[in-house]
Amino acid sequence: MPTTVQRIPEVKQNAAPAVSFEDTSIAFSCQSDFKLRKTYWLFALMNKGWLVNLGTFFIKIALKLQLPVKNLIKSTIFEQFCGGESIRDCEKTISKLHDGHIGTILDYSVEGEENEKSFEETTLEVLRTIERASESADIPFSVFKVTGIASTDLLEAVQKGDVLSNEDKAAFERVRERVDRLCAKAYERKVKIFVDAEESWIQGTIDALAYEMMERYNRERPVVFNTYQLYRWETYNNFVKATETARERGYLLGAKLVRGAYLEKERIRSHEEEYQDPIQATKEDTDRDFNKAIDFSLNNRDVVSICLGTHNEYSCQYCFQRMKQLGIAPNDEHIWFAQLLGMSDNISYNLANAGYNVAKYVPYGPVEAVMPYLFRRAEENKSIAGQSSREFKLIEKEIDRRKNQR
């Protein structure tokens, strides 16, 4: 897809230090020479699409056959993108991110079976992340996926307006109770909590639950944050309407702005089932709506608090330049930036160094159980235009810089 050159708005006042995403001395300041070289070789491998496909194929087979590959996975891709197998294992990562003035978002990334036992176990684990977050300013957010605590088929049936059996009605009430338990705990412990976005055929149900929780718990401060996928053509207008509703009903809107993560799945399903494709026609349309959402949020800070969940350098630049223009302090409590652990350190560390609010998603869970997440990260690095190459070249640049300093 062709890209267009986008112009950064002219800065009218210097409300914050200059930020350069090319400054590798800041981006990798917390990495030893050994860790940097290890990361270099990992991204060098991930930069080869055929090798990612081959490696993913053999790892899946090895895990299925219960071959002894766990230690290899744990010391490579798992170490790069995950904090550990438990909250306790993540403490070292939390501390290291703290050294870079970056917060942690503990993300329990286990994708279990769809049964009541699994849903309850996931709920209890997310409650533990909220408890841990309440103990430290280093963990500003908790997060959960509704499909981690509810049946996808049930969420879809509710969205379609299907007539539910008494059993399904009772199951959905349990879903609502779990969501409420998480949001109530976040409110009680003064922790902000993200409700992650998912596929369009269940997102309506998720939105309804999120807004119900916002109206209940966001009266005094933003606690519950819904997620808005701007690669859907209807999202920007939905976001504006949600803000208007929040203003009318007297609660605050928490919004995590992302581009989206299910593009291929969405397009395949819309084609197969012959309904209108929910995805924007072009990437430029997505970029336009994402940046419009930034502007709208900054101009409605009395109601809206945002977190930009993005690895897109231009959108991050656009946001902090607009903040400068509007005289908004870098550490304004209504504005956060977030990236995934192991990716885009040039964005995270340089923004944090300039005083902006930054957090990293830190996935965790047993190695075997988080492999679906890791496979998606590998695929994402392969499919995002130039992502692996960008990471690889920045690391290479920092290795050369350190050599020349000696």
Protein backbone atom coordinates (compact mmCIF):
# COMPACT_ATOMS: atom_id res chain seq x y z
CA MET A 1 0.00 0.00 0.00
CA PRO A 2 1.48 3.40 -0.95
CA THR A 3 2.42 5.74 1.85
CA THR A 4 2.02 9.49 1.95
CA VAL A 5 4.33 12.06 3.47
CA GLN A 6 2.62 13.63 6.47
CA ARG A 7 3.60 17.05 7.78
CA ILE A 8 4.19 17.56 11.50
CA PRO A 9 2.25 20.62 12.73
CA GLU A 10 4.39 23.69 13.28
CA VAL A 11 5.33 24.15 16.94
CA LYS A 12 4.13 27.42 18.37
CA GLN A 13 5.61 27.10 21.85
CA ASN A 14 8.19 24.94 23.59
CA ALA A 15 6.23 23.24 26.37
CA ALA A 16 8.56 20.23 26.47
CA PRO A 17 12.04 19.07 25.46
CA ALA A 18 12.56 18.04 21.85
CA VAL A 19 11.98 14.34 21.18
CA SER A 20 13.88 12.38 18.54
CA PHE A 21 12.92 8.77 17.87
CA GLU A 22 16.34 8.37 16.24
CA ASP A 23 18.19 8.81 19.55
CA THR A 24 19.33 5.26 20.19
CA SER A 25 21.50 6.25 23.16
CA ILE A 26 18.28 6.91 25.10
CA ALA A 27 16.22 4.15 23.45
CA PHE A 28 18.63 1.40 24.53
CA SER A 29 20.14 2.98 27.63
CA CYS A 30 18.81 0.20 29.86
CA GLN A 31 20.25 -2.61 27.71
CA SER A 32 23.68 -4.09 28.30
CA ASP A 33 25.95 -4.82 25.33
CA PHE A 34 25.14 -8.53 25.69
CA LYS A 35 21.36 -7.96 25.74
CA LEU A 36 21.58 -5.56 22.82
CA ARG A 37 23.47 -8.09 20.69
CA LYS A 38 21.01 -10.82 21.61
CA THR A 39 18.12 -8.58 20.57
CA TYR A 40 20.01 -7.74 17.37
CA TRP A 41 20.23 -11.37 16.33
CA LEU A 42 16.60 -12.05 17.24
CA PHE A 43 15.34 -9.21 15.04
CA ALA A 44 17.79 -10.20 12.31
CA LEU A 45 16.05 -13.58 12.21
CA MET A 46 12.56 -12.10 12.52
CA ASN A 47 13.38 -9.79 9.61
CA LYS A 48 13.26 -12.85 7.33
CA GLY A 49 9.60 -13.69 6.70
CA TRP A 50 10.29 -17.23 5.46
CA LEU A 51 12.26 -17.99 8.61
CA VAL A 52 9.45 -16.71 10.85
CA ASN A 53 7.01 -19.00 9.02
CA LEU A 54 9.34 -21.97 9.28
CA GLY A 55 10.17 -21.34 12.95
CA THR A 56 6.52 -20.90 13.91
CA PHE A 57 5.63 -24.15 12.10
CA PHE A 58 8.30 -26.21 13.87
CA ILE A 59 7.64 -24.69 17.30
CA LYS A 60 3.94 -25.58 17.02
CA ILE A 61 4.84 -29.15 16.10
CA ALA A 62 7.44 -29.40 18.89
CA LEU A 63 4.96 -28.18 21.49
CA LYS A 64 2.27 -30.53 20.22
CA LEU A 65 4.70 -33.47 20.45
CA GLN A 66 5.90 -32.20 23.86
CA LEU A 67 9.50 -31.97 22.68
CA PRO A 68 11.99 -30.21 25.04
CA VAL A 69 11.96 -26.76 23.41
CA LYS A 70 10.62 -24.70 26.33
CA ASN A 71 14.04 -23.46 27.49
CA LEU A 72 14.99 -22.39 23.97
CA ILE A 73 11.71 -20.46 23.59
CA LYS A 74 12.03 -18.98 27.07
CA SER A 75 15.55 -17.63 26.44
CA THR A 76 14.70 -16.08 23.05
CA ILE A 77 11.29 -14.86 21.84
CA PHE A 78 9.62 -15.26 25.26
CA GLU A 79 12.34 -13.23 27.00
CA GLN A 80 12.07 -10.49 24.36
CA PHE A 81 8.31 -10.00 24.48
CA CYS A 82 7.17 -11.31 27.89
CA GLY A 83 7.88 -10.40 31.49
CA GLY A 84 7.82 -13.94 32.86
CA GLU A 85 5.49 -16.77 33.73
CA SER A 86 3.97 -15.08 36.79
CA ILE A 87 3.53 -11.63 38.31
CA ARG A 88 6.49 -12.35 40.58
CA ASP A 89 8.64 -13.19 37.54
CA CYS A 90 7.75 -9.76 36.08
CA GLU A 91 9.26 -7.81 38.99
CA LYS A 92 12.65 -7.53 37.29
CA THR A 93 11.01 -6.09 34.16
CA ILE A 94 8.90 -3.70 36.24
CA SER A 95 12.07 -2.45 37.94
CA LYS A 96 13.99 -2.08 34.68
CA LEU A 97 11.15 -0.12 33.06
CA HIS A 98 10.99 2.05 36.18
CA ASP A 99 14.67 2.93 35.63
CA GLY A 100 13.66 4.30 32.23
CA HIS A 101 10.72 6.24 33.77
CA ILE A 102 8.28 3.87 32.06
CA GLY A 103 5.26 2.25 33.67
CA THR A 104 4.19 -1.38 33.37
CA ILE A 105 0.85 -2.79 32.25
CA LEU A 106 0.68 -6.40 33.45
CA ASP A 107 -1.11 -8.33 30.71
CA TYR A 108 -2.13 -11.89 31.58
CA SER A 109 -1.86 -13.31 28.06
CA VAL A 110 -3.00 -16.87 28.62
CA GLU A 111 -5.60 -18.01 26.09
CA GLY A 112 -7.35 -20.83 27.91
CA GLU A 113 -10.26 -23.06 27.08
CA GLU A 114 -13.73 -21.56 26.86
CA ASN A 115 -15.30 -22.91 30.04
CA GLU A 116 -16.48 -21.48 33.33
CA LYS A 117 -13.46 -22.79 35.23
CA SER A 118 -11.04 -21.07 32.84
CA PHE A 119 -13.07 -17.84 32.91
CA GLU A 120 -13.00 -17.75 36.70
CA GLU A 121 -9.27 -18.50 36.86
CA THR A 122 -8.56 -15.65 34.44
CA THR A 123 -10.76 -13.29 36.46
CA LEU A 124 -8.86 -14.13 39.63
CA GLU A 125 -5.51 -13.57 37.92
CA VAL A 126 -6.56 -10.17 36.57
CA LEU A 127 -7.72 -9.26 40.09
CA ARG A 128 -4.19 -10.10 41.24
CA THR A 129 -2.75 -7.71 38.65
CA ILE A 130 -5.02 -4.97 40.00
CA GLU A 131 -3.85 -5.67 43.55
CA ARG A 132 -0.22 -5.50 42.41
CA ALA A 133 -0.86 -2.27 40.48
CA SER A 134 -2.40 -0.67 43.56
CA GLU A 135 0.88 -1.18 45.42
CA SER A 136 3.03 0.89 43.07
CA ALA A 137 2.90 3.94 40.82
CA ASP A 138 5.08 1.90 38.45
CA ILE A 139 1.95 0.03 37.27
CA PRO A 140 -0.57 2.69 36.15
CA PHE A 141 -3.00 0.36 34.33
CA SER A 142 -4.45 -3.14 34.43
CA VAL A 143 -6.00 -4.80 31.39
CA PHE A 144 -8.27 -7.67 30.39
CA LYS A 145 -9.92 -9.15 27.32
CA VAL A 146 -13.60 -9.96 27.68
CA THR A 147 -13.05 -13.20 25.72
CA GLY A 148 -10.75 -14.25 28.55
CA ILE A 149 -13.74 -14.32 30.91
CA ALA A 150 -16.63 -15.04 28.50
CA SER A 151 -17.60 -17.33 25.63
CA THR A 152 -17.07 -15.77 22.21
CA ASP A 153 -20.22 -17.48 20.91
CA LEU A 154 -22.25 -16.01 23.77
CA LEU A 155 -20.89 -12.50 23.17
CA GLU A 156 -21.77 -12.82 19.49
CA ALA A 157 -25.29 -14.09 20.24
CA VAL A 158 -25.91 -11.13 22.55
CA GLN A 159 -24.67 -8.69 19.89
CA LYS A 160 -26.88 -10.26 17.19
CA GLY A 161 -29.90 -10.01 19.47
CA ASP A 162 -30.50 -13.74 19.41
CA VAL A 163 -33.12 -15.12 21.77
CA LEU A 164 -31.07 -16.55 24.62
CA SER A 165 -31.94 -19.69 26.54
CA ASN A 166 -32.26 -19.42 30.31
CA GLU A 167 -28.86 -21.10 30.54
CA ASP A 168 -27.29 -18.50 28.23
CA LYS A 169 -28.98 -15.66 30.11
CA ALA A 170 -27.48 -16.96 33.36
CA ALA A 171 -24.06 -17.31 31.67
CA PHE A 172 -24.18 -13.73 30.44
CA GLU A 173 -25.10 -12.48 33.89
CA ARG A 174 -21.96 -14.23 35.15
CA VAL A 175 -19.98 -12.42 32.45
CA ARG A 176 -21.41 -9.07 33.57
CA GLU A 177 -20.63 -9.96 37.19
CA ARG A 178 -16.99 -10.79 36.32
CA VAL A 179 -16.55 -7.54 34.41
CA ASP A 180 -18.09 -5.65 37.30
CA ARG A 181 -15.86 -7.42 39.81
CA LEU A 182 -12.75 -6.33 37.90
CA CYS A 183 -13.88 -2.74 37.42
CA ALA A 184 -15.08 -2.43 41.02
CA LYS A 185 -11.70 -3.66 42.27
CA ALA A 186 -9.92 -1.17 40.00
CA TYR A 187 -12.11 1.63 41.33
CA GLU A 188 -11.57 0.56 44.93
CA ARG A 189 -7.79 0.30 44.47
CA LYS A 190 -7.52 3.51 42.40
CA VAL A 191 -6.16 1.68 39.36
CA LYS A 192 -7.09 2.42 35.75
CA ILE A 193 -8.21 -0.61 33.73
CA PHE A 194 -8.30 -1.21 29.97
CA VAL A 195 -11.03 -3.26 28.31
CA ASP A 196 -9.25 -4.57 25.21
CA ALA A 197 -10.87 -4.41 21.77
CA GLU A 198 -11.71 -7.55 19.82
CA GLU A 199 -13.46 -8.64 16.60
CA SER A 200 -16.30 -6.54 15.19
CA TRP A 201 -18.88 -9.32 15.63
CA ILE A 202 -18.46 -9.18 19.42
CA GLN A 203 -17.21 -5.61 19.88
CA GLY A 204 -20.73 -4.20 20.29
CA THR A 205 -21.31 -6.40 23.34
CA ILE A 206 -17.92 -5.42 24.74
CA ASP A 207 -18.66 -1.72 24.17
CA ALA A 208 -21.98 -2.00 26.00
CA LEU A 209 -20.31 -3.63 29.01
CA ALA A 210 -17.53 -1.02 29.03
CA TYR A 211 -19.97 1.91 28.93
CA GLU A 212 -22.06 0.37 31.69
CA MET A 213 -18.94 0.16 33.85
CA MET A 214 -17.85 3.70 32.95
CA GLU A 215 -21.21 5.11 33.99
CA ARG A 216 -20.86 3.27 37.29
CA TYR A 217 -17.20 3.87 38.14
CA ASN A 218 -15.97 6.89 36.12
CA ARG A 219 -17.89 9.58 38.00
CA GLU A 220 -14.93 10.95 40.00
CA ARG A 221 -11.96 9.91 37.84
CA PRO A 222 -11.31 7.82 34.72
CA VAL A 223 -11.10 4.21 35.87
CA VAL A 224 -12.50 2.13 32.99
CA PHE A 225 -11.00 2.63 29.51
CA ASN A 226 -12.65 1.23 26.41
CA THR A 227 -10.50 0.51 23.33
CA TYR A 228 -11.18 2.12 19.96
CA GLN A 229 -9.85 0.45 16.79
CA LEU A 230 -9.50 3.26 14.26
CA TYR A 231 -8.96 0.87 11.34
CA ARG A 232 -12.73 0.44 11.40
CA TRP A 233 -14.47 3.17 9.39
CA GLU A 234 -17.24 3.68 11.94
CA THR A 235 -15.02 3.96 15.03
CA TYR A 236 -14.24 7.68 14.98
CA ASN A 237 -17.92 8.65 14.92
CA ASN A 238 -18.69 6.08 17.62
CA PHE A 239 -15.92 7.58 19.75
CA VAL A 240 -17.34 11.10 19.35
CA LYS A 241 -20.85 9.88 20.21
CA ALA A 242 -19.56 8.02 23.26
CA THR A 243 -17.90 11.23 24.47
CA GLU A 244 -21.12 13.19 23.99
CA THR A 245 -23.04 10.55 25.94
CA ALA A 246 -20.50 10.62 28.76
CA ARG A 247 -20.75 14.40 28.96
CA GLU A 248 -24.57 14.28 29.02
CA ARG A 249 -24.71 11.57 31.69
CA GLY A 250 -22.01 13.06 33.88
CA TYR A 251 -19.20 10.53 33.73
CA LEU A 252 -15.66 10.52 32.30
CA LEU A 253 -14.64 8.62 29.20
CA GLY A 254 -11.47 6.54 29.25
CA ALA A 255 -10.20 5.73 25.75
CA LYS A 256 -7.32 3.63 24.50
CA LEU A 257 -6.76 4.53 20.85
CA VAL A 258 -5.30 1.82 18.62
CA ARG A 259 -5.28 1.11 14.91
CA GLY A 260 -6.41 -2.52 15.10
CA ALA A 261 -5.29 -6.10 15.19
CA TYR A 262 -7.74 -8.30 13.25
CA LEU A 263 -7.60 -6.90 9.71
CA GLU A 264 -7.22 -10.14 7.75
CA LYS A 265 -9.77 -12.00 9.87
CA GLU A 266 -12.29 -9.15 9.53
CA ARG A 267 -11.96 -8.94 5.76
CA ILE A 268 -12.14 -12.69 5.21
CA ARG A 269 -15.27 -13.03 7.34
CA SER A 270 -17.07 -10.05 5.77
CA HIS A 271 -16.35 -11.50 2.33
CA GLU A 272 -17.46 -15.02 3.24
CA GLU A 273 -20.66 -13.88 4.96
CA GLU A 274 -21.34 -11.11 2.43
CA TYR A 275 -21.67 -8.07 4.67
CA GLN A 276 -19.98 -4.67 4.43
CA ASP A 277 -16.27 -4.78 5.21
CA PRO A 278 -15.87 -2.96 8.56
CA ILE A 279 -12.25 -2.01 7.81
CA GLN A 280 -11.17 1.31 6.30
CA ALA A 281 -10.52 1.29 2.55
CA THR A 282 -6.89 2.41 2.94
CA LYS A 283 -4.23 2.76 5.60
CA GLU A 284 -4.29 6.52 5.00
CA ASP A 285 -7.95 6.54 6.08
CA THR A 286 -6.98 4.78 9.30
CA ASP A 287 -4.13 7.23 9.94
CA ARG A 288 -6.45 10.17 9.29
CA ASP A 289 -9.07 8.95 11.78
CA PHE A 290 -6.45 8.05 14.38
CA ASN A 291 -5.02 11.55 14.32
CA LYS A 292 -8.51 13.10 14.26
CA ALA A 293 -9.23 11.11 17.42
CA ILE A 294 -6.07 12.56 19.00
CA ASP A 295 -7.20 16.11 18.19
CA PHE A 296 -10.70 15.45 19.45
CA SER A 297 -9.39 13.99 22.71
CA LEU A 298 -6.96 16.83 23.39
CA ASN A 299 -9.76 19.34 22.83
CA ASN A 300 -12.11 17.48 25.21
CA ARG A 301 -9.79 16.75 28.12
CA ASP A 302 -12.49 17.79 30.58
CA VAL A 303 -14.27 14.54 29.69
CA VAL A 304 -11.78 12.33 27.82
CA SER A 305 -8.58 10.66 29.05
CA ILE A 306 -6.59 8.77 26.44
CA CYS A 307 -3.83 6.27 26.02
CA LEU A 308 -2.27 6.02 22.56
CA GLY A 309 -1.55 2.33 22.11
CA THR A 310 0.59 2.65 19.00
CA HIS A 311 3.96 1.89 17.44
CA ASN A 312 3.36 4.51 14.77
CA GLU A 313 6.03 7.18 15.13
CA TYR A 314 4.12 9.83 13.22
CA SER A 315 1.02 9.59 15.43
CA CYS A 316 3.15 9.87 18.56
CA GLN A 317 4.90 12.92 17.09
CA TYR A 318 1.55 14.37 16.04
CA CYS A 319 0.20 13.99 19.56
CA PHE A 320 3.12 15.59 21.41
CA GLN A 321 3.36 18.40 18.87
CA ARG A 322 -0.34 19.13 19.29
CA MET A 323 0.17 19.06 23.06
CA LYS A 324 2.89 21.70 22.66
CA GLN A 325 0.65 23.84 20.49
CA LEU A 326 -2.16 23.67 23.04
CA GLY A 327 0.18 24.30 25.99
CA ILE A 328 -0.51 20.88 27.53
CA ALA A 329 2.20 19.68 29.89
CA PRO A 330 4.00 16.45 28.86
CA ASN A 331 2.96 14.74 32.10
CA ASP A 332 -0.71 15.74 31.84
CA GLU A 333 -2.60 12.96 33.65
CA HIS A 334 -5.15 12.68 30.81
CA ILE A 335 -2.62 11.58 28.16
CA TRP A 336 -0.56 8.38 28.01
CA PHE A 337 1.47 6.55 25.38
CA ALA A 338 1.88 2.76 25.38
CA GLN A 339 3.86 0.21 23.40
CA LEU A 340 4.47 -3.52 23.70
CA LEU A 341 7.44 -4.86 25.65
CA GLY A 342 10.32 -5.66 23.33
CA MET A 343 9.18 -3.35 20.55
CA SER A 344 9.59 0.35 19.67
CA ASP A 345 11.91 1.24 22.55
CA ASN A 346 12.96 4.25 20.46
CA ILE A 347 9.44 5.63 20.98
CA SER A 348 8.89 4.59 24.60
CA TYR A 349 12.21 5.63 26.10
CA ASN A 350 12.59 8.89 24.20
CA LEU A 351 9.06 10.01 25.12
CA ALA A 352 9.61 9.03 28.76
CA ASN A 353 12.95 10.82 28.81
CA ALA A 354 11.18 14.01 27.70
CA GLY A 355 8.67 13.72 30.56
CA TYR A 356 5.67 12.17 28.80
CA ASN A 357 3.55 9.48 30.44
CA VAL A 358 4.60 6.14 28.96
CA ALA A 359 3.83 2.52 29.80
CA LYS A 360 4.73 -0.82 28.30
CA TYR A 361 2.38 -3.77 27.92
CA VAL A 362 4.14 -6.64 29.73
CA PRO A 363 2.51 -9.96 28.79
CA TYR A 364 3.06 -12.87 31.14
CA GLY A 365 1.91 -16.45 31.73
CA PRO A 366 3.19 -20.03 31.34
CA VAL A 367 5.33 -20.36 28.22
CA GLU A 368 3.07 -22.92 26.51
CA ALA A 369 -0.05 -20.87 27.24
CA VAL A 370 1.24 -17.56 25.85
CA MET A 371 2.58 -19.05 22.60
CA PRO A 372 -0.50 -17.90 20.61
CA TYR A 373 0.37 -14.33 21.73
CA LEU A 374 4.02 -14.78 20.75
CA PHE A 375 3.11 -16.20 17.36
CA ARG A 376 1.03 -13.07 16.72
CA ARG A 377 3.96 -10.83 17.73
CA ALA A 378 6.23 -12.66 15.30
CA GLU A 379 3.60 -12.41 12.58
CA GLU A 380 3.00 -8.75 13.39
CA ASN A 381 6.69 -7.89 13.09
CA LYS A 382 6.72 -9.70 9.76
CA SER A 383 3.53 -8.13 8.40
CA ILE A 384 3.86 -4.50 9.54
CA ALA A 385 5.65 -2.77 6.72
CA GLY A 386 9.28 -2.40 7.72
CA GLN A 387 8.69 -3.07 11.45
CA SER A 388 11.37 -5.71 11.91
CA SER A 389 13.73 -3.81 9.62
CA ARG A 390 13.16 -0.62 11.61
CA GLU A 391 13.89 -2.35 14.94
CA PHE A 392 16.91 -4.12 13.47
CA LYS A 393 18.46 -0.95 12.00
CA LEU A 394 18.02 1.04 15.21
CA ILE A 395 19.75 -1.68 17.23
CA GLU A 396 22.50 -1.86 14.62
CA LYS A 397 22.91 1.91 14.86
CA GLU A 398 23.27 1.75 18.65
CA ILE A 399 25.83 -1.09 18.48
CA ASP A 400 27.90 1.01 16.05
CA ARG A 401 27.55 4.09 18.27
CA ARG A 402 28.87 2.19 21.27
CA LYS A 403 31.78 0.81 19.25
CA ASN A 404 32.78 4.28 18.08
CA GLN A 405 32.68 5.61 21.65
CA ARG A 406 35.25 3.14 22.87
